[in-house]
Amino acid sequence: MIVVSLTALLFLACDVSDPPAEQLFNGTDMTGWRHVGKGGFSVEAGALKTSGGMGLLVYDGMKIGNAVLRVVYKPESPRSNAGVFIRVPEPPHDPWFAVHKGYEVQIQDTGDAFHRTGSIYSLAPSEEFPPSGDGWNTMEIFLDGQTTRVEVNGSVVNEFEGGQEVPERKKWFEPERGPRPDSGYIGLQNHDGRSVVHFREVSVRPLPN
């Protein structure tokens, strides 16, 4: 006869495969964040709001890797341009350092496959994703070693492996090609004066074992 203790039953009942998320944005102010470059961010109605640009709101608290970065965002128009930067090797003091040394997961619904929402900007194309009902979209970025997988509204739109073949760099503003680290600093981009994007959640949770 197999005897299972109450403690073991409680352990089995818990979803140990989904560790709890750590909120990086507290919904009230920008504690833990630092802005570099032009323009800025403000907090309105519990969400970060972009203005002007080009700039970057950097989270200095820790490097992020082997984790799921969750960003809930709402663009004011399909042309609104922003991005989520990942794998930046050092805390950036200039937005262009993040462009050339990290990856940008693009936010803009009107670009081509290499420059639209969910793409690794100019490096890896994205697929289309289902629209949300209220304009708020959920982007989850899975950082697993050199693998980057992007889901938007529950649909996988991109999976990129560091070191895979990428298109030739053609524009001065496109990122320099080359390796990125397994883990790095993250940031939110404010792109230009015509683009307004709201971010109401930025959180991270470890990948399940």
N, C-alpha and C. Protein backbone atom coordinates (compact mmCIF):
# COMPACT_ATOMS: atom_id res chain seq x y z
N MET A 1 0.85 -1.20 0.00
CA MET A 1 0.00 0.00 0.00
C MET A 1 0.89 1.25 0.00
N ILE A 2 0.54 2.23 -0.84
CA ILE A 2 1.29 3.49 -0.93
C ILE A 2 0.63 4.52 -0.03
N VAL A 3 1.39 5.11 0.86
CA VAL A 3 0.89 6.14 1.76
C VAL A 3 1.45 7.48 1.33
N VAL A 4 0.58 8.45 1.09
CA VAL A 4 1.00 9.80 0.68
C VAL A 4 0.65 10.76 1.81
N SER A 5 1.62 11.49 2.29
CA SER A 5 1.38 12.43 3.39
C SER A 5 0.56 13.62 2.92
N LEU A 6 -0.06 14.31 3.90
CA LEU A 6 -0.81 15.52 3.58
C LEU A 6 0.08 16.57 2.94
N THR A 7 1.32 16.69 3.44
CA THR A 7 2.26 17.66 2.87
C THR A 7 2.52 17.36 1.40
N ALA A 8 2.70 16.07 1.08
CA ALA A 8 2.95 15.69 -0.31
C ALA A 8 1.75 15.99 -1.18
N LEU A 9 0.55 15.74 -0.65
CA LEU A 9 -0.66 16.03 -1.43
C LEU A 9 -0.77 17.52 -1.72
N LEU A 10 -0.47 18.34 -0.72
CA LEU A 10 -0.52 19.79 -0.94
C LEU A 10 0.51 20.21 -1.97
N PHE A 11 1.70 19.62 -1.93
CA PHE A 11 2.74 19.94 -2.90
C PHE A 11 2.29 19.56 -4.31
N LEU A 12 1.68 18.39 -4.45
CA LEU A 12 1.23 17.95 -5.76
C LEU A 12 0.10 18.83 -6.28
N ALA A 13 -0.71 19.37 -5.35
CA ALA A 13 -1.85 20.19 -5.77
C ALA A 13 -1.42 21.55 -6.26
N CYS A 14 -0.23 22.01 -5.84
CA CYS A 14 0.26 23.32 -6.25
C CYS A 14 0.82 23.26 -7.66
N ASP A 15 0.70 24.34 -8.39
CA ASP A 15 1.24 24.42 -9.74
C ASP A 15 2.69 24.88 -9.66
N VAL A 16 3.60 23.95 -9.37
CA VAL A 16 5.00 24.32 -9.20
C VAL A 16 5.67 24.65 -10.52
N SER A 17 5.00 24.41 -11.64
CA SER A 17 5.60 24.68 -12.94
C SER A 17 5.48 26.15 -13.33
N ASP A 18 4.74 26.94 -12.58
CA ASP A 18 4.50 28.34 -12.94
C ASP A 18 4.88 29.23 -11.76
N PRO A 19 6.16 29.59 -11.62
CA PRO A 19 6.58 30.41 -10.49
C PRO A 19 5.88 31.76 -10.50
N PRO A 20 5.74 32.39 -9.34
CA PRO A 20 5.06 33.69 -9.28
C PRO A 20 5.84 34.78 -9.99
N ALA A 21 5.12 35.77 -10.49
CA ALA A 21 5.74 36.88 -11.22
C ALA A 21 6.15 37.98 -10.25
N GLU A 22 7.22 38.68 -10.59
CA GLU A 22 7.66 39.86 -9.85
C GLU A 22 7.29 41.09 -10.67
N GLN A 23 6.54 42.00 -10.07
CA GLN A 23 6.14 43.21 -10.75
C GLN A 23 7.30 44.20 -10.77
N LEU A 24 7.68 44.64 -11.95
CA LEU A 24 8.77 45.61 -12.07
C LEU A 24 8.25 47.04 -12.10
N PHE A 25 6.99 47.22 -12.46
CA PHE A 25 6.34 48.54 -12.43
C PHE A 25 5.25 48.50 -11.37
N ASN A 26 5.32 49.41 -10.41
CA ASN A 26 4.41 49.36 -9.26
C ASN A 26 3.05 50.00 -9.51
N GLY A 27 2.83 50.57 -10.70
CA GLY A 27 1.53 51.15 -11.01
C GLY A 27 1.33 52.56 -10.49
N THR A 28 2.31 53.08 -9.77
CA THR A 28 2.17 54.39 -9.13
C THR A 28 3.23 55.38 -9.59
N ASP A 29 4.49 54.92 -9.62
CA ASP A 29 5.58 55.80 -10.02
C ASP A 29 6.66 54.97 -10.70
N MET A 30 7.76 55.60 -11.03
CA MET A 30 8.82 54.91 -11.78
C MET A 30 10.00 54.51 -10.90
N THR A 31 9.71 54.13 -9.67
CA THR A 31 10.75 53.63 -8.78
C THR A 31 11.43 52.42 -9.42
N GLY A 32 12.77 52.45 -9.46
CA GLY A 32 13.53 51.36 -10.05
C GLY A 32 13.83 51.54 -11.53
N TRP A 33 13.26 52.58 -12.12
CA TRP A 33 13.44 52.83 -13.54
C TRP A 33 14.20 54.14 -13.74
N ARG A 34 14.88 54.24 -14.87
CA ARG A 34 15.70 55.42 -15.19
C ARG A 34 15.56 55.71 -16.68
N HIS A 35 15.31 56.97 -17.02
CA HIS A 35 15.12 57.32 -18.43
C HIS A 35 16.40 57.89 -19.02
N VAL A 36 16.70 57.48 -20.27
CA VAL A 36 17.83 58.04 -21.01
C VAL A 36 17.32 58.46 -22.39
N GLY A 37 17.96 59.47 -22.96
CA GLY A 37 17.58 59.94 -24.28
C GLY A 37 16.51 61.01 -24.23
N LYS A 38 15.88 61.23 -25.36
CA LYS A 38 14.89 62.30 -25.51
C LYS A 38 13.51 61.84 -25.06
N GLY A 39 12.61 62.83 -24.90
CA GLY A 39 11.25 62.52 -24.51
C GLY A 39 11.19 61.98 -23.10
N GLY A 40 10.18 61.17 -22.82
CA GLY A 40 10.07 60.64 -21.47
C GLY A 40 8.84 59.77 -21.30
N PHE A 41 8.60 59.41 -20.05
CA PHE A 41 7.44 58.65 -19.63
C PHE A 41 6.77 59.38 -18.49
N SER A 42 5.46 59.21 -18.38
CA SER A 42 4.71 59.65 -17.21
C SER A 42 3.82 58.51 -16.76
N VAL A 43 3.26 58.64 -15.56
CA VAL A 43 2.33 57.64 -15.06
C VAL A 43 0.95 58.26 -15.02
N GLU A 44 0.03 57.67 -15.78
CA GLU A 44 -1.35 58.16 -15.84
C GLU A 44 -2.30 56.98 -15.72
N ALA A 45 -3.23 57.09 -14.81
CA ALA A 45 -4.26 56.05 -14.61
C ALA A 45 -3.64 54.68 -14.41
N GLY A 46 -2.55 54.64 -13.64
CA GLY A 46 -1.91 53.38 -13.31
C GLY A 46 -1.09 52.76 -14.41
N ALA A 47 -0.76 53.53 -15.45
CA ALA A 47 0.02 53.00 -16.57
C ALA A 47 1.12 53.98 -16.96
N LEU A 48 2.22 53.44 -17.45
CA LEU A 48 3.27 54.26 -18.03
C LEU A 48 2.82 54.76 -19.39
N LYS A 49 3.09 56.02 -19.70
CA LYS A 49 2.69 56.61 -20.97
C LYS A 49 3.90 57.25 -21.63
N THR A 50 4.14 56.89 -22.90
CA THR A 50 5.27 57.45 -23.62
C THR A 50 4.97 58.86 -24.11
N SER A 51 6.05 59.64 -24.28
CA SER A 51 5.95 60.95 -24.93
C SER A 51 7.27 61.27 -25.58
N GLY A 52 7.21 61.86 -26.76
CA GLY A 52 8.43 62.28 -27.45
C GLY A 52 9.36 61.13 -27.74
N GLY A 53 10.60 61.47 -28.04
CA GLY A 53 11.59 60.43 -28.27
C GLY A 53 12.65 60.89 -29.25
N MET A 54 13.67 60.05 -29.49
CA MET A 54 13.70 58.66 -29.06
C MET A 54 14.43 58.53 -27.72
N GLY A 55 13.78 57.78 -26.82
CA GLY A 55 14.37 57.55 -25.52
C GLY A 55 14.09 56.14 -25.05
N LEU A 56 14.57 55.84 -23.85
CA LEU A 56 14.44 54.50 -23.30
C LEU A 56 14.29 54.59 -21.80
N LEU A 57 13.28 53.89 -21.28
CA LEU A 57 13.07 53.76 -19.84
C LEU A 57 13.70 52.44 -19.41
N VAL A 58 14.77 52.51 -18.65
CA VAL A 58 15.59 51.36 -18.32
C VAL A 58 15.24 50.85 -16.93
N TYR A 59 15.12 49.53 -16.80
CA TYR A 59 14.97 48.92 -15.48
C TYR A 59 16.35 48.49 -15.00
N ASP A 60 16.82 49.11 -13.93
CA ASP A 60 18.19 48.88 -13.45
C ASP A 60 18.29 47.79 -12.39
N GLY A 61 17.15 47.23 -11.98
CA GLY A 61 17.15 46.36 -10.82
C GLY A 61 17.94 45.09 -10.96
N MET A 62 17.99 44.52 -12.16
CA MET A 62 18.68 43.24 -12.35
C MET A 62 18.74 42.92 -13.82
N LYS A 63 19.65 42.01 -14.16
CA LYS A 63 19.63 41.41 -15.49
C LYS A 63 18.54 40.35 -15.53
N ILE A 64 17.95 40.17 -16.70
CA ILE A 64 16.85 39.22 -16.84
C ILE A 64 17.21 38.20 -17.91
N GLY A 65 17.13 36.95 -17.55
CA GLY A 65 17.37 35.85 -18.47
C GLY A 65 16.79 34.58 -17.89
N ASN A 66 16.60 33.56 -18.73
CA ASN A 66 15.93 32.33 -18.32
C ASN A 66 14.65 32.65 -17.56
N ALA A 67 13.85 33.49 -18.19
CA ALA A 67 12.65 34.02 -17.55
C ALA A 67 11.64 34.41 -18.62
N VAL A 68 10.43 34.71 -18.14
CA VAL A 68 9.37 35.21 -19.02
C VAL A 68 9.09 36.66 -18.64
N LEU A 69 9.31 37.55 -19.58
CA LEU A 69 9.02 38.97 -19.39
C LEU A 69 7.63 39.24 -19.96
N ARG A 70 6.73 39.73 -19.12
CA ARG A 70 5.33 39.98 -19.52
C ARG A 70 5.08 41.49 -19.54
N VAL A 71 4.59 41.97 -20.66
CA VAL A 71 4.31 43.39 -20.84
C VAL A 71 2.88 43.53 -21.36
N VAL A 72 2.06 44.28 -20.63
CA VAL A 72 0.69 44.56 -21.07
C VAL A 72 0.66 46.01 -21.54
N TYR A 73 0.32 46.21 -22.79
CA TYR A 73 0.46 47.54 -23.41
C TYR A 73 -0.75 47.86 -24.29
N LYS A 74 -0.90 49.16 -24.56
CA LYS A 74 -2.00 49.62 -25.41
C LYS A 74 -1.52 50.80 -26.25
N PRO A 75 -1.41 50.63 -27.57
CA PRO A 75 -1.06 51.76 -28.44
C PRO A 75 -2.29 52.63 -28.71
N GLU A 76 -2.07 53.93 -28.85
CA GLU A 76 -3.20 54.82 -29.14
C GLU A 76 -3.64 54.74 -30.59
N SER A 77 -2.75 54.23 -31.48
CA SER A 77 -3.13 53.98 -32.87
C SER A 77 -2.28 52.84 -33.39
N PRO A 78 -2.70 52.19 -34.49
CA PRO A 78 -1.88 51.10 -35.03
C PRO A 78 -0.48 51.54 -35.44
N ARG A 79 -0.29 52.83 -35.72
CA ARG A 79 1.02 53.34 -36.14
C ARG A 79 1.91 53.71 -34.95
N SER A 80 1.34 53.70 -33.74
CA SER A 80 2.15 54.05 -32.57
C SER A 80 3.34 53.11 -32.45
N ASN A 81 4.51 53.69 -32.27
CA ASN A 81 5.77 52.96 -32.32
C ASN A 81 6.40 52.94 -30.93
N ALA A 82 6.81 51.75 -30.49
CA ALA A 82 7.53 51.59 -29.23
C ALA A 82 8.27 50.26 -29.33
N GLY A 83 8.82 49.81 -28.23
CA GLY A 83 9.52 48.53 -28.25
C GLY A 83 9.90 48.12 -26.84
N VAL A 84 10.18 46.84 -26.71
CA VAL A 84 10.68 46.28 -25.45
C VAL A 84 12.09 45.79 -25.72
N PHE A 85 13.07 46.36 -25.03
CA PHE A 85 14.46 45.96 -25.23
C PHE A 85 14.84 44.89 -24.23
N ILE A 86 15.60 43.90 -24.72
CA ILE A 86 16.03 42.77 -23.92
C ILE A 86 17.51 42.50 -24.20
N ARG A 87 18.13 41.72 -23.33
CA ARG A 87 19.50 41.22 -23.53
C ARG A 87 20.53 42.35 -23.70
N VAL A 88 20.31 43.49 -23.05
CA VAL A 88 21.29 44.58 -23.11
C VAL A 88 22.39 44.27 -22.09
N PRO A 89 23.64 44.17 -22.50
CA PRO A 89 24.67 43.61 -21.62
C PRO A 89 25.04 44.47 -20.43
N GLU A 90 24.88 45.80 -20.53
CA GLU A 90 25.21 46.71 -19.45
C GLU A 90 24.08 47.73 -19.29
N PRO A 91 23.95 48.34 -18.12
CA PRO A 91 22.92 49.38 -17.97
C PRO A 91 23.17 50.51 -18.97
N PRO A 92 22.27 50.75 -19.91
CA PRO A 92 22.54 51.74 -20.95
C PRO A 92 22.38 53.17 -20.45
N HIS A 93 23.25 54.03 -20.93
CA HIS A 93 23.16 55.46 -20.65
C HIS A 93 22.84 56.24 -21.93
N ASP A 94 22.51 55.53 -22.97
CA ASP A 94 22.12 56.10 -24.25
C ASP A 94 21.20 55.08 -24.93
N PRO A 95 20.06 55.51 -25.50
CA PRO A 95 19.16 54.54 -26.11
C PRO A 95 19.80 53.77 -27.26
N TRP A 96 20.77 54.35 -27.94
CA TRP A 96 21.38 53.67 -29.08
C TRP A 96 22.29 52.53 -28.65
N PHE A 97 22.79 52.60 -27.42
CA PHE A 97 23.55 51.45 -26.90
C PHE A 97 22.64 50.23 -26.84
N ALA A 98 21.41 50.42 -26.37
CA ALA A 98 20.46 49.31 -26.32
C ALA A 98 20.09 48.81 -27.71
N VAL A 99 19.96 49.73 -28.66
CA VAL A 99 19.64 49.34 -30.04
C VAL A 99 20.71 48.41 -30.60
N HIS A 100 21.96 48.77 -30.40
CA HIS A 100 23.05 48.06 -31.07
C HIS A 100 23.61 46.88 -30.27
N LYS A 101 23.37 46.85 -28.97
CA LYS A 101 23.94 45.79 -28.14
C LYS A 101 22.89 44.82 -27.60
N GLY A 102 21.61 45.19 -27.68
CA GLY A 102 20.53 44.31 -27.25
C GLY A 102 19.63 43.98 -28.42
N TYR A 103 18.47 43.44 -28.11
CA TYR A 103 17.43 43.19 -29.12
C TYR A 103 16.22 44.04 -28.78
N GLU A 104 15.53 44.53 -29.82
CA GLU A 104 14.25 45.21 -29.63
C GLU A 104 13.12 44.31 -30.12
N VAL A 105 12.20 44.01 -29.22
CA VAL A 105 10.95 43.37 -29.62
C VAL A 105 9.99 44.50 -29.97
N GLN A 106 9.67 44.61 -31.23
CA GLN A 106 8.98 45.79 -31.76
C GLN A 106 7.52 45.83 -31.33
N ILE A 107 7.03 47.05 -31.15
CA ILE A 107 5.60 47.34 -31.02
C ILE A 107 5.26 48.38 -32.09
N GLN A 108 4.57 47.97 -33.10
CA GLN A 108 3.97 48.83 -34.13
C GLN A 108 3.25 47.91 -35.11
N ASP A 109 1.97 48.12 -35.28
CA ASP A 109 1.16 47.16 -36.02
C ASP A 109 1.18 47.36 -37.54
N THR A 110 1.83 48.41 -38.03
CA THR A 110 1.73 48.72 -39.46
C THR A 110 3.00 48.43 -40.25
N GLY A 111 4.04 47.92 -39.61
CA GLY A 111 5.28 47.65 -40.33
C GLY A 111 5.23 46.35 -41.10
N ASP A 112 6.30 46.09 -41.87
CA ASP A 112 6.41 44.78 -42.52
C ASP A 112 6.80 43.74 -41.48
N ALA A 113 6.95 42.49 -41.91
CA ALA A 113 7.14 41.39 -40.97
C ALA A 113 8.38 41.55 -40.10
N PHE A 114 9.41 42.22 -40.62
CA PHE A 114 10.65 42.42 -39.86
C PHE A 114 10.61 43.66 -38.99
N HIS A 115 9.56 44.46 -39.10
CA HIS A 115 9.49 45.74 -38.37
C HIS A 115 8.12 45.97 -37.74
N ARG A 116 7.39 44.91 -37.47
CA ARG A 116 6.08 45.06 -36.86
C ARG A 116 6.05 44.38 -35.49
N THR A 117 4.94 44.53 -34.80
CA THR A 117 4.80 44.00 -33.45
C THR A 117 5.21 42.53 -33.38
N GLY A 118 6.08 42.25 -32.42
CA GLY A 118 6.53 40.88 -32.19
C GLY A 118 7.81 40.51 -32.90
N SER A 119 8.24 41.31 -33.86
CA SER A 119 9.51 41.03 -34.54
C SER A 119 10.67 41.35 -33.62
N ILE A 120 11.80 40.66 -33.83
CA ILE A 120 13.07 41.14 -33.29
C ILE A 120 13.55 42.13 -34.34
N TYR A 121 13.48 43.40 -34.03
CA TYR A 121 13.51 44.46 -35.02
C TYR A 121 14.62 44.29 -36.05
N SER A 122 14.21 44.11 -37.30
CA SER A 122 15.04 43.97 -38.50
C SER A 122 15.84 42.66 -38.54
N LEU A 123 15.68 41.81 -37.52
CA LEU A 123 16.45 40.57 -37.46
C LEU A 123 15.61 39.32 -37.68
N ALA A 124 14.40 39.29 -37.13
CA ALA A 124 13.56 38.10 -37.22
C ALA A 124 12.10 38.52 -37.38
N PRO A 125 11.39 38.00 -38.37
CA PRO A 125 10.03 38.44 -38.66
C PRO A 125 9.03 37.86 -37.67
N SER A 126 7.89 38.54 -37.59
CA SER A 126 6.81 38.07 -36.72
C SER A 126 5.60 37.67 -37.54
N GLU A 127 4.76 36.83 -36.93
CA GLU A 127 3.47 36.45 -37.49
C GLU A 127 2.40 37.39 -36.95
N GLU A 128 1.23 37.36 -37.57
CA GLU A 128 0.11 38.15 -37.06
C GLU A 128 -0.41 37.52 -35.77
N PHE A 129 -1.10 38.33 -34.97
CA PHE A 129 -1.63 37.85 -33.70
C PHE A 129 -3.09 38.26 -33.55
N PRO A 130 -3.85 37.55 -32.71
CA PRO A 130 -5.27 37.88 -32.55
C PRO A 130 -5.44 39.20 -31.81
N PRO A 131 -6.39 40.03 -32.21
CA PRO A 131 -6.62 41.30 -31.52
C PRO A 131 -7.23 41.06 -30.15
N SER A 132 -7.02 42.01 -29.26
CA SER A 132 -7.65 41.96 -27.95
C SER A 132 -9.02 42.62 -28.02
N GLY A 133 -9.82 42.38 -27.01
CA GLY A 133 -11.15 42.95 -27.02
C GLY A 133 -11.21 44.40 -26.59
N ASP A 134 -10.23 44.83 -25.78
CA ASP A 134 -10.30 46.18 -25.21
C ASP A 134 -9.12 47.06 -25.59
N GLY A 135 -8.29 46.61 -26.52
CA GLY A 135 -7.13 47.40 -26.94
C GLY A 135 -5.87 47.13 -26.16
N TRP A 136 -5.98 46.49 -24.99
CA TRP A 136 -4.80 46.12 -24.21
C TRP A 136 -4.28 44.78 -24.70
N ASN A 137 -3.02 44.72 -25.01
CA ASN A 137 -2.39 43.51 -25.54
C ASN A 137 -1.38 42.97 -24.53
N THR A 138 -1.27 41.65 -24.49
CA THR A 138 -0.32 41.00 -23.60
C THR A 138 0.80 40.38 -24.42
N MET A 139 2.01 40.88 -24.21
CA MET A 139 3.20 40.34 -24.86
C MET A 139 4.01 39.59 -23.82
N GLU A 140 4.33 38.34 -24.12
CA GLU A 140 5.21 37.56 -23.26
C GLU A 140 6.46 37.18 -24.05
N ILE A 141 7.61 37.49 -23.48
CA ILE A 141 8.89 37.24 -24.12
C ILE A 141 9.62 36.19 -23.29
N PHE A 142 9.82 35.01 -23.87
CA PHE A 142 10.47 33.90 -23.19
C PHE A 142 11.96 33.94 -23.53
N LEU A 143 12.78 34.08 -22.51
CA LEU A 143 14.23 34.14 -22.66
C LEU A 143 14.80 32.85 -22.09
N ASP A 144 15.21 31.96 -22.97
CA ASP A 144 15.68 30.63 -22.56
C ASP A 144 17.05 30.41 -23.20
N GLY A 145 18.12 30.72 -22.45
CA GLY A 145 19.44 30.68 -23.06
C GLY A 145 19.49 31.66 -24.22
N GLN A 146 19.87 31.18 -25.40
CA GLN A 146 19.92 32.02 -26.59
C GLN A 146 18.62 32.02 -27.39
N THR A 147 17.61 31.33 -26.89
CA THR A 147 16.31 31.30 -27.57
C THR A 147 15.42 32.43 -27.05
N THR A 148 14.82 33.17 -27.98
CA THR A 148 13.84 34.20 -27.64
C THR A 148 12.53 33.86 -28.33
N ARG A 149 11.49 33.61 -27.55
CA ARG A 149 10.16 33.35 -28.13
C ARG A 149 9.22 34.45 -27.69
N VAL A 150 8.44 34.95 -28.64
CA VAL A 150 7.53 36.06 -28.38
C VAL A 150 6.10 35.57 -28.61
N GLU A 151 5.24 35.80 -27.62
CA GLU A 151 3.81 35.53 -27.76
C GLU A 151 3.06 36.83 -27.56
N VAL A 152 2.03 37.06 -28.38
CA VAL A 152 1.17 38.23 -28.23
C VAL A 152 -0.27 37.73 -28.17
N ASN A 153 -0.95 38.10 -27.11
CA ASN A 153 -2.34 37.68 -26.88
C ASN A 153 -2.50 36.17 -26.99
N GLY A 154 -1.50 35.46 -26.46
CA GLY A 154 -1.56 34.01 -26.40
C GLY A 154 -1.12 33.27 -27.63
N SER A 155 -0.71 33.98 -28.68
CA SER A 155 -0.30 33.36 -29.94
C SER A 155 1.21 33.55 -30.13
N VAL A 156 1.91 32.46 -30.47
CA VAL A 156 3.35 32.57 -30.74
C VAL A 156 3.55 33.29 -32.07
N VAL A 157 4.27 34.41 -32.05
CA VAL A 157 4.48 35.19 -33.26
C VAL A 157 5.92 35.17 -33.74
N ASN A 158 6.85 34.70 -32.88
CA ASN A 158 8.25 34.75 -33.27
C ASN A 158 9.04 33.80 -32.38
N GLU A 159 10.00 33.12 -32.96
CA GLU A 159 10.98 32.35 -32.19
C GLU A 159 12.33 32.53 -32.87
N PHE A 160 13.27 33.07 -32.11
CA PHE A 160 14.56 33.47 -32.65
C PHE A 160 15.67 32.82 -31.85
N GLU A 161 16.64 32.28 -32.57
CA GLU A 161 17.78 31.64 -31.92
C GLU A 161 19.02 32.50 -32.17
N GLY A 162 19.68 32.91 -31.09
CA GLY A 162 20.91 33.69 -31.25
C GLY A 162 21.90 32.95 -32.12
N GLY A 163 22.47 33.64 -33.09
CA GLY A 163 23.41 33.02 -34.01
C GLY A 163 22.79 32.54 -35.30
N GLN A 164 21.45 32.57 -35.40
CA GLN A 164 20.85 32.15 -36.67
C GLN A 164 21.10 33.21 -37.74
N GLU A 165 20.94 32.83 -38.97
CA GLU A 165 21.16 33.76 -40.08
C GLU A 165 20.12 34.87 -40.05
N VAL A 166 20.58 36.10 -40.25
CA VAL A 166 19.69 37.27 -40.24
C VAL A 166 19.94 38.10 -41.49
N PRO A 167 18.99 38.97 -41.85
CA PRO A 167 19.19 39.82 -43.03
C PRO A 167 20.37 40.78 -42.86
N GLU A 168 20.93 41.17 -43.96
CA GLU A 168 22.00 42.17 -43.95
C GLU A 168 21.47 43.49 -43.41
N ARG A 169 22.29 44.19 -42.65
CA ARG A 169 21.92 45.51 -42.13
C ARG A 169 21.94 46.51 -43.28
N LYS A 170 20.82 47.24 -43.46
CA LYS A 170 20.69 48.14 -44.60
C LYS A 170 20.52 49.60 -44.20
N LYS A 171 19.97 49.87 -43.04
CA LYS A 171 19.67 51.24 -42.61
C LYS A 171 20.54 51.61 -41.42
N TRP A 172 20.88 52.91 -41.31
CA TRP A 172 21.75 53.35 -40.24
C TRP A 172 21.13 53.13 -38.87
N PHE A 173 19.78 53.15 -38.80
CA PHE A 173 19.11 53.03 -37.51
C PHE A 173 18.82 51.59 -37.13
N GLU A 174 19.14 50.65 -38.00
CA GLU A 174 18.94 49.25 -37.66
C GLU A 174 20.08 48.75 -36.77
N PRO A 175 19.81 47.76 -35.93
CA PRO A 175 20.83 47.33 -34.97
C PRO A 175 22.04 46.69 -35.64
N GLU A 176 23.18 46.89 -35.02
CA GLU A 176 24.37 46.17 -35.43
C GLU A 176 24.15 44.68 -35.21
N ARG A 177 24.64 43.87 -36.13
CA ARG A 177 24.52 42.43 -35.99
C ARG A 177 25.59 41.92 -35.02
N GLY A 178 25.35 40.75 -34.47
CA GLY A 178 26.32 40.18 -33.56
C GLY A 178 25.65 39.51 -32.38
N PRO A 179 26.42 38.81 -31.56
CA PRO A 179 25.85 38.05 -30.45
C PRO A 179 25.34 38.96 -29.33
N ARG A 180 24.36 38.45 -28.61
CA ARG A 180 23.83 39.08 -27.40
C ARG A 180 23.93 38.08 -26.26
N PRO A 181 23.96 38.57 -25.02
CA PRO A 181 24.12 37.66 -23.88
C PRO A 181 22.84 36.88 -23.57
N ASP A 182 23.00 35.81 -22.80
CA ASP A 182 21.84 35.03 -22.37
C ASP A 182 20.91 35.86 -21.48
N SER A 183 21.47 36.75 -20.69
CA SER A 183 20.66 37.61 -19.83
C SER A 183 21.18 39.04 -19.94
N GLY A 184 20.30 40.00 -19.67
CA GLY A 184 20.71 41.39 -19.78
C GLY A 184 19.65 42.32 -19.22
N TYR A 185 19.90 43.60 -19.35
CA TYR A 185 18.97 44.61 -18.87
C TYR A 185 17.84 44.82 -19.88
N ILE A 186 16.72 45.31 -19.38
CA ILE A 186 15.55 45.55 -20.24
C ILE A 186 15.17 47.02 -20.21
N GLY A 187 14.38 47.42 -21.19
CA GLY A 187 13.89 48.79 -21.23
C GLY A 187 12.68 48.91 -22.14
N LEU A 188 11.94 50.00 -21.96
CA LEU A 188 10.78 50.33 -22.78
C LEU A 188 11.10 51.57 -23.60
N GLN A 189 10.82 51.52 -24.88
CA GLN A 189 11.16 52.62 -25.78
C GLN A 189 10.01 53.61 -25.92
N ASN A 190 10.35 54.89 -25.86
CA ASN A 190 9.45 55.95 -26.34
C ASN A 190 10.05 56.46 -27.65
N HIS A 191 9.34 56.29 -28.75
CA HIS A 191 9.97 56.42 -30.06
C HIS A 191 9.94 57.82 -30.65
N ASP A 192 8.78 58.49 -30.63
CA ASP A 192 8.67 59.79 -31.29
C ASP A 192 7.44 60.51 -30.77
N GLY A 193 7.31 61.79 -31.16
CA GLY A 193 6.23 62.62 -30.65
C GLY A 193 4.85 62.25 -31.15
N ARG A 194 4.77 61.50 -32.25
CA ARG A 194 3.46 61.10 -32.78
C ARG A 194 2.99 59.76 -32.23
N SER A 195 3.86 59.06 -31.53
CA SER A 195 3.54 57.72 -31.05
C SER A 195 3.30 57.75 -29.55
N VAL A 196 2.12 57.26 -29.14
CA VAL A 196 1.80 57.16 -27.73
C VAL A 196 1.40 55.72 -27.43
N VAL A 197 2.11 55.12 -26.48
CA VAL A 197 1.82 53.76 -26.06
C VAL A 197 1.77 53.74 -24.54
N HIS A 198 0.79 53.02 -23.99
CA HIS A 198 0.61 52.88 -22.55
C HIS A 198 1.06 51.48 -22.12
N PHE A 199 1.71 51.39 -20.97
CA PHE A 199 2.14 50.11 -20.40
C PHE A 199 1.59 50.01 -18.99
N ARG A 200 0.70 49.07 -18.74
CA ARG A 200 0.12 48.98 -17.40
C ARG A 200 0.71 47.84 -16.57
N GLU A 201 1.46 46.96 -17.20
CA GLU A 201 2.13 45.90 -16.45
C GLU A 201 3.47 45.58 -17.10
N VAL A 202 4.49 45.46 -16.28
CA VAL A 202 5.78 44.91 -16.68
C VAL A 202 6.18 43.97 -15.55
N SER A 203 6.26 42.69 -15.83
CA SER A 203 6.58 41.73 -14.78
C SER A 203 7.49 40.64 -15.35
N VAL A 204 8.11 39.90 -14.43
CA VAL A 204 9.02 38.84 -14.85
C VAL A 204 8.82 37.65 -13.91
N ARG A 205 8.92 36.46 -14.47
CA ARG A 205 8.89 35.25 -13.66
C ARG A 205 9.92 34.27 -14.21
N PRO A 206 10.54 33.48 -13.35
CA PRO A 206 11.52 32.51 -13.82
C PRO A 206 10.87 31.46 -14.71
N LEU A 207 11.65 30.94 -15.64
CA LEU A 207 11.17 29.80 -16.41
C LEU A 207 10.98 28.62 -15.47
N PRO A 208 9.94 27.80 -15.68
CA PRO A 208 9.77 26.61 -14.84
C PRO A 208 10.90 25.63 -15.06
N ASN A 209 11.25 24.93 -14.03
CA ASN A 209 12.31 23.94 -14.12
C ASN A 209 11.88 22.75 -14.97
